[in-house]
Amino acid sequence: MTTAHEKILKTKETKSAIENRLRSLESSHGLDLEARGRFNLKKQGEEVVIFLDEENTNQKNTSVFNTLKFASILKWLEKKLSF
């Protein structure tokens, strides 16, 4: 069973991690990394590379297709919204 002191330490660690994450998102570099990771965005002239393993290939191909379809929609939105 955890003590109150251990719970306080865990809560402080969680708070610190959240504050660090927020600080990183306040910078343009952090925001750029988040957008790239979460929405598969890329800058003009860059390419996205997707690595597949041999296990569950059909399932992953469907997932890759959906990711690429989403990426093409985002690319269209970027052009329309002048990102």
C-alpha atoms as a PDB file:
ATOM      1  CA  MET A   1       0.000   0.000   0.000  1.00  0.00           C
ATOM      2  CA  THR A   2       1.341   3.425  -0.855  1.00  0.00           C
ATOM      3  CA  THR A   3       1.783   6.054   1.749  1.00  0.00           C
ATOM      4  CA  ALA A   4       0.537   9.601   1.539  1.00  0.00           C
ATOM      5  CA  HIS A   5       4.143  10.748   1.077  1.00  0.00           C
ATOM      6  CA  GLU A   6       4.596   8.439  -1.939  1.00  0.00           C
ATOM      7  CA  LYS A   7       1.349   9.729  -3.451  1.00  0.00           C
ATOM      8  CA  ILE A   8       2.512  13.317  -2.979  1.00  0.00           C
ATOM      9  CA  LEU A   9       5.851  12.542  -4.665  1.00  0.00           C
ATOM     10  CA  LYS A  10       4.095  10.811  -7.563  1.00  0.00           C
ATOM     11  CA  THR A  11       1.717  13.768  -7.977  1.00  0.00           C
ATOM     12  CA  LYS A  12       4.636  16.221  -7.959  1.00  0.00           C
ATOM     13  CA  GLU A  13       6.438  14.160 -10.620  1.00  0.00           C
ATOM     14  CA  THR A  14       3.299  14.100 -12.779  1.00  0.00           C
ATOM     15  CA  LYS A  15       2.816  17.852 -12.339  1.00  0.00           C
ATOM     16  CA  SER A  16       6.437  18.490 -13.286  1.00  0.00           C
ATOM     17  CA  ALA A  17       6.128  16.313 -16.407  1.00  0.00           C
ATOM     18  CA  ILE A  18       2.959  18.146 -17.471  1.00  0.00           C
ATOM     19  CA  GLU A  19       4.581  21.548 -16.907  1.00  0.00           C
ATOM     20  CA  ASN A  20       7.613  20.492 -18.980  1.00  0.00           C
ATOM     21  CA  ARG A  21       5.323  19.303 -21.767  1.00  0.00           C
ATOM     22  CA  LEU A  22       3.417  22.590 -21.728  1.00  0.00           C
ATOM     23  CA  ARG A  23       6.665  24.578 -21.849  1.00  0.00           C
ATOM     24  CA  SER A  24       7.813  22.592 -24.865  1.00  0.00           C
ATOM     25  CA  LEU A  25       4.504  23.233 -26.645  1.00  0.00           C
ATOM     26  CA  GLU A  26       4.882  26.972 -26.066  1.00  0.00           C
ATOM     27  CA  SER A  27       7.966  27.034 -28.305  1.00  0.00           C
ATOM     28  CA  SER A  28       7.679  26.897 -32.072  1.00  0.00           C
ATOM     29  CA  HIS A  29      10.069  23.929 -32.147  1.00  0.00           C
ATOM     30  CA  GLY A  30       7.979  21.984 -29.617  1.00  0.00           C
ATOM     31  CA  LEU A  31       4.761  22.792 -31.442  1.00  0.00           C
ATOM     32  CA  ASP A  32       6.350  21.719 -34.728  1.00  0.00           C
ATOM     33  CA  LEU A  33       7.437  18.387 -33.226  1.00  0.00           C
ATOM     34  CA  GLU A  34       3.970  17.779 -31.791  1.00  0.00           C
ATOM     35  CA  ALA A  35       2.240  18.528 -35.107  1.00  0.00           C
ATOM     36  CA  ARG A  36       4.639  16.264 -36.984  1.00  0.00           C
ATOM     37  CA  GLY A  37       4.210  13.417 -34.519  1.00  0.00           C
ATOM     38  CA  ARG A  38       0.486  13.668 -33.949  1.00  0.00           C
ATOM     39  CA  PHE A  39      -0.763  14.693 -37.390  1.00  0.00           C
ATOM     40  CA  ASN A  40       1.989  13.337 -39.653  1.00  0.00           C
ATOM     41  CA  LEU A  41       2.712  16.828 -40.967  1.00  0.00           C
ATOM     42  CA  LYS A  42       5.806  17.682 -42.933  1.00  0.00           C
ATOM     43  CA  LYS A  43       7.446  20.809 -44.233  1.00  0.00           C
ATOM     44  CA  GLN A  44       7.566  21.614 -47.915  1.00  0.00           C
ATOM     45  CA  GLY A  45      10.216  19.493 -49.621  1.00  0.00           C
ATOM     46  CA  GLU A  46      10.271  16.857 -46.891  1.00  0.00           C
ATOM     47  CA  GLU A  47       9.051  13.303 -47.356  1.00  0.00           C
ATOM     48  CA  VAL A  48       7.429  10.906 -44.906  1.00  0.00           C
ATOM     49  CA  VAL A  49       8.910   7.419 -44.611  1.00  0.00           C
ATOM     50  CA  ILE A  50       6.894   4.569 -43.107  1.00  0.00           C
ATOM     51  CA  PHE A  51       8.615   1.368 -41.995  1.00  0.00           C
ATOM     52  CA  LEU A  52       6.646  -1.878 -41.911  1.00  0.00           C
ATOM     53  CA  ASP A  53       7.543  -5.193 -40.370  1.00  0.00           C
ATOM     54  CA  GLU A  54       6.389  -8.503 -41.780  1.00  0.00           C
ATOM     55  CA  GLU A  55       3.946  -9.312 -38.966  1.00  0.00           C
ATOM     56  CA  ASN A  56       0.327  -8.248 -39.461  1.00  0.00           C
ATOM     57  CA  THR A  57       1.152  -6.860 -42.906  1.00  0.00           C
ATOM     58  CA  ASN A  58      -2.472  -6.663 -44.084  1.00  0.00           C
ATOM     59  CA  GLN A  59      -3.564  -4.826 -40.964  1.00  0.00           C
ATOM     60  CA  LYS A  60      -0.596  -2.466 -41.186  1.00  0.00           C
ATOM     61  CA  ASN A  61      -1.132  -1.851 -44.913  1.00  0.00           C
ATOM     62  CA  THR A  62      -4.683  -0.733 -44.136  1.00  0.00           C
ATOM     63  CA  SER A  63      -3.349   1.483 -41.359  1.00  0.00           C
ATOM     64  CA  VAL A  64      -0.677   2.938 -43.653  1.00  0.00           C
ATOM     65  CA  PHE A  65      -3.258   3.561 -46.363  1.00  0.00           C
ATOM     66  CA  ASN A  66      -5.473   5.400 -43.873  1.00  0.00           C
ATOM     67  CA  THR A  67      -2.476   7.402 -42.618  1.00  0.00           C
ATOM     68  CA  LEU A  68      -1.481   8.345 -46.160  1.00  0.00           C
ATOM     69  CA  LYS A  69      -5.075   9.271 -47.001  1.00  0.00           C
ATOM     70  CA  PHE A  70      -5.202  11.462 -43.894  1.00  0.00           C
ATOM     71  CA  ALA A  71      -1.829  12.988 -44.798  1.00  0.00           C
ATOM     72  CA  SER A  72      -3.087  13.879 -48.278  1.00  0.00           C
ATOM     73  CA  ILE A  73      -6.153  15.543 -46.764  1.00  0.00           C
ATOM     74  CA  LEU A  74      -3.901  17.528 -44.428  1.00  0.00           C
ATOM     75  CA  LYS A  75      -1.704  18.529 -47.361  1.00  0.00           C
ATOM     76  CA  TRP A  76      -4.789  19.792 -49.203  1.00  0.00           C
ATOM     77  CA  LEU A  77      -5.857  21.746 -46.106  1.00  0.00           C
ATOM     78  CA  GLU A  78      -2.376  23.238 -45.767  1.00  0.00           C
ATOM     79  CA  LYS A  79      -2.582  24.537 -49.326  1.00  0.00           C
ATOM     80  CA  LYS A  80      -6.097  25.908 -48.858  1.00  0.00           C
ATOM     81  CA  LEU A  81      -5.303  27.535 -45.518  1.00  0.00           C
ATOM     82  CA  SER A  82      -1.799  28.679 -46.543  1.00  0.00           C
ATOM     83  CA  PHE A  83       0.126  26.873 -43.789  1.00  0.00           C
END
